[in-house]
Amino acid sequence: MEYEISRIDKLITDAKPLLDLCKLKEPDFFENIWFKDLEKLDLKLLHKWYNTNFVKKWFGKEKKEWSYGDIENKYLPYINKQKPTDAFIILYGKIKIGYIQTYLLKNYPKYKDCVKADNNSAGLDLFIGEKDYIHKGLGSIIIKKFLVEKIFINNEIEKCVIGPKPKNISAINAYEKAGFKYKRTIKIPEEDEPEYIMEINKNEMQK
């Protein structure tokens, strides 16, 4: 009986952040979003996320299935600072709910040239990996907080660029709500689908 009671208590505790999510308004969402540096222990979670249908629909489409080794090959260079991408796990309270990364576009010159970005521009990519946290209005709030805390805090950066797929209407709407504006649609040589390039300026965040 003690086991059953403790188990029920745990279920209630685990569910509380999600129950709270239904009640919160945007300022409360903002306070509950956190970012932590990606670590090797997070790679199993990334492996799970990469193989969920709603993530695979838009992110990591270069492979039909991602092995754990594929995830290590992609993300260990970020963790070990062998590639110039800053990688983070998104948390809602204490719950890991997604992945987000940023990089200076000048460090990836081929992509920078395709995007037609300035040297003072950063790139941004993200996804929510936990199904219970998608379509809850969190996307734009995650982006706003990340822009403030991780991107525009760098005095070198004046603009941020993001490139969803043109058919990813939910993402585009979230980015527009965060303040991004459409610039152009481009074709990346090694990708099957074009990117719908959107941009936000630092001074627009300060208004």
Protein backbone atom coordinates (compact mmCIF):
# COMPACT_ATOMS: atom_id res chain seq x y z
CA MET A 1 0.00 0.00 0.00
CA GLU A 2 2.83 2.41 0.85
CA TYR A 3 4.31 1.67 -2.56
CA GLU A 4 1.01 2.42 -4.29
CA ILE A 5 0.58 5.70 -2.39
CA SER A 6 4.13 6.80 -3.19
CA ARG A 7 3.63 5.81 -6.82
CA ILE A 8 0.44 7.89 -7.04
CA ASP A 9 2.21 10.82 -5.38
CA LYS A 10 4.98 10.54 -7.97
CA LEU A 11 2.48 10.51 -10.84
CA ILE A 12 0.83 13.62 -9.45
CA THR A 13 4.22 15.32 -9.01
CA ASP A 14 5.31 14.38 -12.53
CA ALA A 15 2.04 15.64 -14.01
CA LYS A 16 2.00 18.94 -12.10
CA PRO A 17 4.16 20.95 -14.56
CA LEU A 18 1.89 19.85 -17.41
CA LEU A 19 -1.26 20.68 -15.43
CA ASP A 20 0.23 24.07 -14.57
CA LEU A 21 0.98 24.59 -18.26
CA CYS A 22 -2.75 24.70 -19.02
CA LYS A 23 -3.28 27.57 -16.56
CA LEU A 24 -0.33 29.85 -17.27
CA LYS A 25 -0.22 33.05 -19.26
CA GLU A 26 2.76 34.22 -21.34
CA PRO A 27 4.72 35.96 -18.53
CA ASP A 28 4.43 32.78 -16.45
CA PHE A 29 5.56 30.63 -19.38
CA PHE A 30 8.60 32.91 -19.74
CA GLU A 31 9.61 32.35 -16.11
CA ASN A 32 9.32 28.56 -16.44
CA ILE A 33 11.53 28.21 -19.52
CA TRP A 34 15.23 27.46 -18.98
CA PHE A 35 18.24 26.46 -21.08
CA LYS A 36 21.13 24.23 -20.09
CA ASP A 37 24.23 23.29 -22.05
CA LEU A 38 23.89 20.06 -23.99
CA GLU A 39 25.80 17.23 -22.28
CA LYS A 40 26.65 13.69 -23.31
CA LEU A 41 24.04 12.31 -20.91
CA ASP A 42 21.37 14.13 -22.96
CA LEU A 43 22.15 12.22 -26.15
CA LYS A 44 19.85 9.28 -25.33
CA LEU A 45 16.99 11.75 -25.06
CA LEU A 46 17.96 13.37 -28.36
CA HIS A 47 18.02 9.90 -29.92
CA LYS A 48 14.47 9.31 -28.72
CA TRP A 49 13.29 12.70 -29.97
CA TYR A 50 14.90 12.33 -33.39
CA ASN A 51 12.94 9.13 -33.93
CA THR A 52 9.51 10.52 -33.03
CA ASN A 53 7.23 11.23 -35.99
CA PHE A 54 6.38 14.83 -35.13
CA VAL A 55 10.09 15.74 -34.84
CA LYS A 56 11.16 13.75 -37.92
CA LYS A 57 8.55 15.53 -40.00
CA TRP A 58 10.64 18.71 -39.98
CA PHE A 59 13.98 18.11 -38.22
CA GLY A 60 16.79 15.70 -39.10
CA LYS A 61 15.14 14.61 -42.34
CA GLU A 62 18.48 13.66 -43.87
CA LYS A 63 18.02 10.22 -42.28
CA LYS A 64 14.93 8.00 -42.11
CA GLU A 65 16.08 6.55 -38.79
CA TRP A 66 18.72 7.92 -36.43
CA SER A 67 20.93 5.48 -34.53
CA TYR A 68 22.50 6.46 -31.24
CA GLY A 69 25.84 6.52 -33.08
CA ASP A 70 24.41 9.02 -35.58
CA ILE A 71 23.40 11.28 -32.68
CA GLU A 72 26.87 11.02 -31.14
CA ASN A 73 28.52 11.86 -34.46
CA LYS A 74 26.33 14.92 -34.88
CA TYR A 75 26.34 16.33 -31.35
CA LEU A 76 29.58 15.32 -29.63
CA PRO A 77 31.52 17.89 -31.72
CA TYR A 78 29.20 20.57 -30.30
CA ILE A 79 29.56 19.30 -26.74
CA ASN A 80 33.35 19.07 -27.07
CA LYS A 81 33.57 22.51 -28.73
CA GLN A 82 35.02 21.02 -31.91
CA LYS A 83 32.39 22.82 -34.00
CA PRO A 84 31.26 26.44 -33.48
CA THR A 85 27.66 25.70 -32.53
CA ASP A 86 26.27 26.37 -29.05
CA ALA A 87 23.83 23.59 -28.17
CA PHE A 88 21.26 23.58 -25.36
CA ILE A 89 18.45 21.53 -23.90
CA ILE A 90 15.17 23.40 -23.35
CA LEU A 91 13.58 22.85 -19.96
CA TYR A 92 10.09 23.63 -18.74
CA GLY A 93 10.64 23.82 -15.01
CA LYS A 94 12.79 20.73 -14.40
CA ILE A 95 11.49 18.79 -17.40
CA LYS A 96 13.61 18.48 -20.54
CA ILE A 97 11.25 19.24 -23.41
CA GLY A 98 13.37 20.10 -26.44
CA TYR A 99 16.57 21.17 -28.14
CA ILE A 100 17.85 24.56 -29.32
CA GLN A 101 21.11 25.72 -30.92
CA THR A 102 22.74 28.88 -32.19
CA TYR A 103 25.88 29.75 -34.17
CA LEU A 104 27.52 32.67 -35.90
CA LEU A 105 26.67 32.42 -39.58
CA LYS A 106 30.14 33.63 -40.56
CA ASN A 107 31.47 30.36 -39.08
CA TYR A 108 29.43 28.45 -41.67
CA PRO A 109 30.26 30.49 -44.80
CA LYS A 110 28.48 28.29 -47.36
CA TYR A 111 25.19 28.54 -45.48
CA LYS A 112 25.79 32.25 -44.80
CA ASP A 113 26.17 32.87 -48.54
CA CYS A 114 22.97 30.95 -49.31
CA VAL A 115 21.06 32.92 -46.68
CA LYS A 116 22.69 36.21 -47.83
CA ALA A 117 23.31 37.15 -44.21
CA ASP A 118 25.64 39.74 -42.73
CA ASN A 119 28.70 38.83 -40.66
CA ASN A 120 26.91 40.05 -37.54
CA SER A 121 24.12 37.47 -37.91
CA ALA A 122 23.44 34.38 -35.81
CA GLY A 123 21.53 31.28 -36.85
CA LEU A 124 18.91 29.54 -34.73
CA ASP A 125 17.36 26.05 -34.85
CA LEU A 126 15.09 24.31 -32.36
CA PHE A 127 12.44 21.69 -31.79
CA ILE A 128 10.20 20.56 -28.96
CA GLY A 129 10.70 16.83 -28.47
CA GLU A 130 8.08 16.03 -25.85
CA LYS A 131 4.62 15.53 -27.36
CA ASP A 132 2.78 16.92 -24.33
CA TYR A 133 4.48 20.28 -24.86
CA ILE A 134 3.83 20.86 -28.57
CA HIS A 135 1.01 23.12 -29.77
CA LYS A 136 0.82 24.79 -26.36
CA GLY A 137 2.06 28.23 -27.43
CA LEU A 138 5.55 27.64 -26.03
CA GLY A 139 7.51 28.04 -29.28
CA SER A 140 7.46 31.84 -29.52
CA ILE A 141 8.15 32.22 -25.80
CA ILE A 142 11.13 29.85 -25.94
CA ILE A 143 12.54 31.84 -28.85
CA LYS A 144 12.02 35.25 -27.22
CA LYS A 145 13.79 34.13 -24.05
CA PHE A 146 16.62 32.47 -25.98
CA LEU A 147 17.15 35.61 -28.08
CA VAL A 148 17.45 37.71 -24.93
CA GLU A 149 19.57 35.32 -22.84
CA LYS A 150 21.77 33.51 -25.35
CA ILE A 151 21.94 35.40 -28.67
CA PHE A 152 21.60 39.16 -28.40
CA ILE A 153 23.60 39.21 -25.17
CA ASN A 154 26.57 38.86 -27.54
CA ASN A 155 27.51 42.39 -28.63
CA GLU A 156 28.84 41.04 -31.91
CA ILE A 157 25.35 39.92 -33.01
CA GLU A 158 22.85 42.36 -34.51
CA LYS A 159 20.54 39.95 -36.36
CA CYS A 160 19.21 36.42 -35.98
CA VAL A 161 18.13 34.19 -38.86
CA ILE A 162 15.93 31.10 -38.81
CA GLY A 163 14.98 28.87 -41.76
CA PRO A 164 11.87 26.71 -41.37
CA LYS A 165 10.48 24.67 -44.23
CA PRO A 166 7.82 26.64 -46.16
CA LYS A 167 5.15 24.04 -45.34
CA ASN A 168 5.86 24.18 -41.59
CA ILE A 169 3.12 26.71 -40.95
CA SER A 170 3.00 26.16 -37.18
CA ALA A 171 6.70 27.00 -36.85
CA ILE A 172 6.42 30.02 -39.14
CA ASN A 173 3.52 31.36 -37.07
CA ALA A 174 5.53 30.91 -33.86
CA TYR A 175 8.54 32.69 -35.34
CA GLU A 176 6.36 35.57 -36.53
CA LYS A 177 4.87 35.84 -33.05
CA ALA A 178 8.43 36.04 -31.67
CA GLY A 179 9.14 38.96 -34.02
CA PHE A 180 10.79 37.32 -37.04
CA LYS A 181 9.96 38.63 -40.51
CA TYR A 182 10.11 36.84 -43.86
CA LYS A 183 13.11 37.73 -46.03
CA ARG A 184 13.36 35.20 -48.85
CA THR A 185 12.99 31.52 -49.80
CA ILE A 186 16.27 29.79 -50.65
CA LYS A 187 17.46 26.40 -51.85
CA ILE A 188 20.26 24.77 -49.88
CA PRO A 189 22.33 22.56 -52.27
CA GLU A 190 22.45 19.48 -49.99
CA GLU A 191 18.80 19.69 -48.87
CA ASP A 192 15.68 18.41 -50.66
CA GLU A 193 13.37 21.19 -49.51
CA PRO A 194 13.85 24.98 -49.60
CA GLU A 195 14.10 27.14 -46.50
CA TYR A 196 11.76 30.02 -45.67
CA ILE A 197 14.30 32.50 -44.33
CA MET A 198 13.12 34.78 -41.51
CA GLU A 199 15.09 37.42 -39.63
CA ILE A 200 14.87 39.60 -36.53
CA ASN A 201 17.08 42.58 -35.64
CA LYS A 202 18.37 43.20 -32.12
CA ASN A 203 16.83 46.70 -32.06
CA GLU A 204 13.42 45.17 -32.78
CA MET A 205 13.75 43.11 -29.60
CA GLN A 206 14.31 46.27 -27.61
CA LYS A 207 11.07 47.98 -28.71
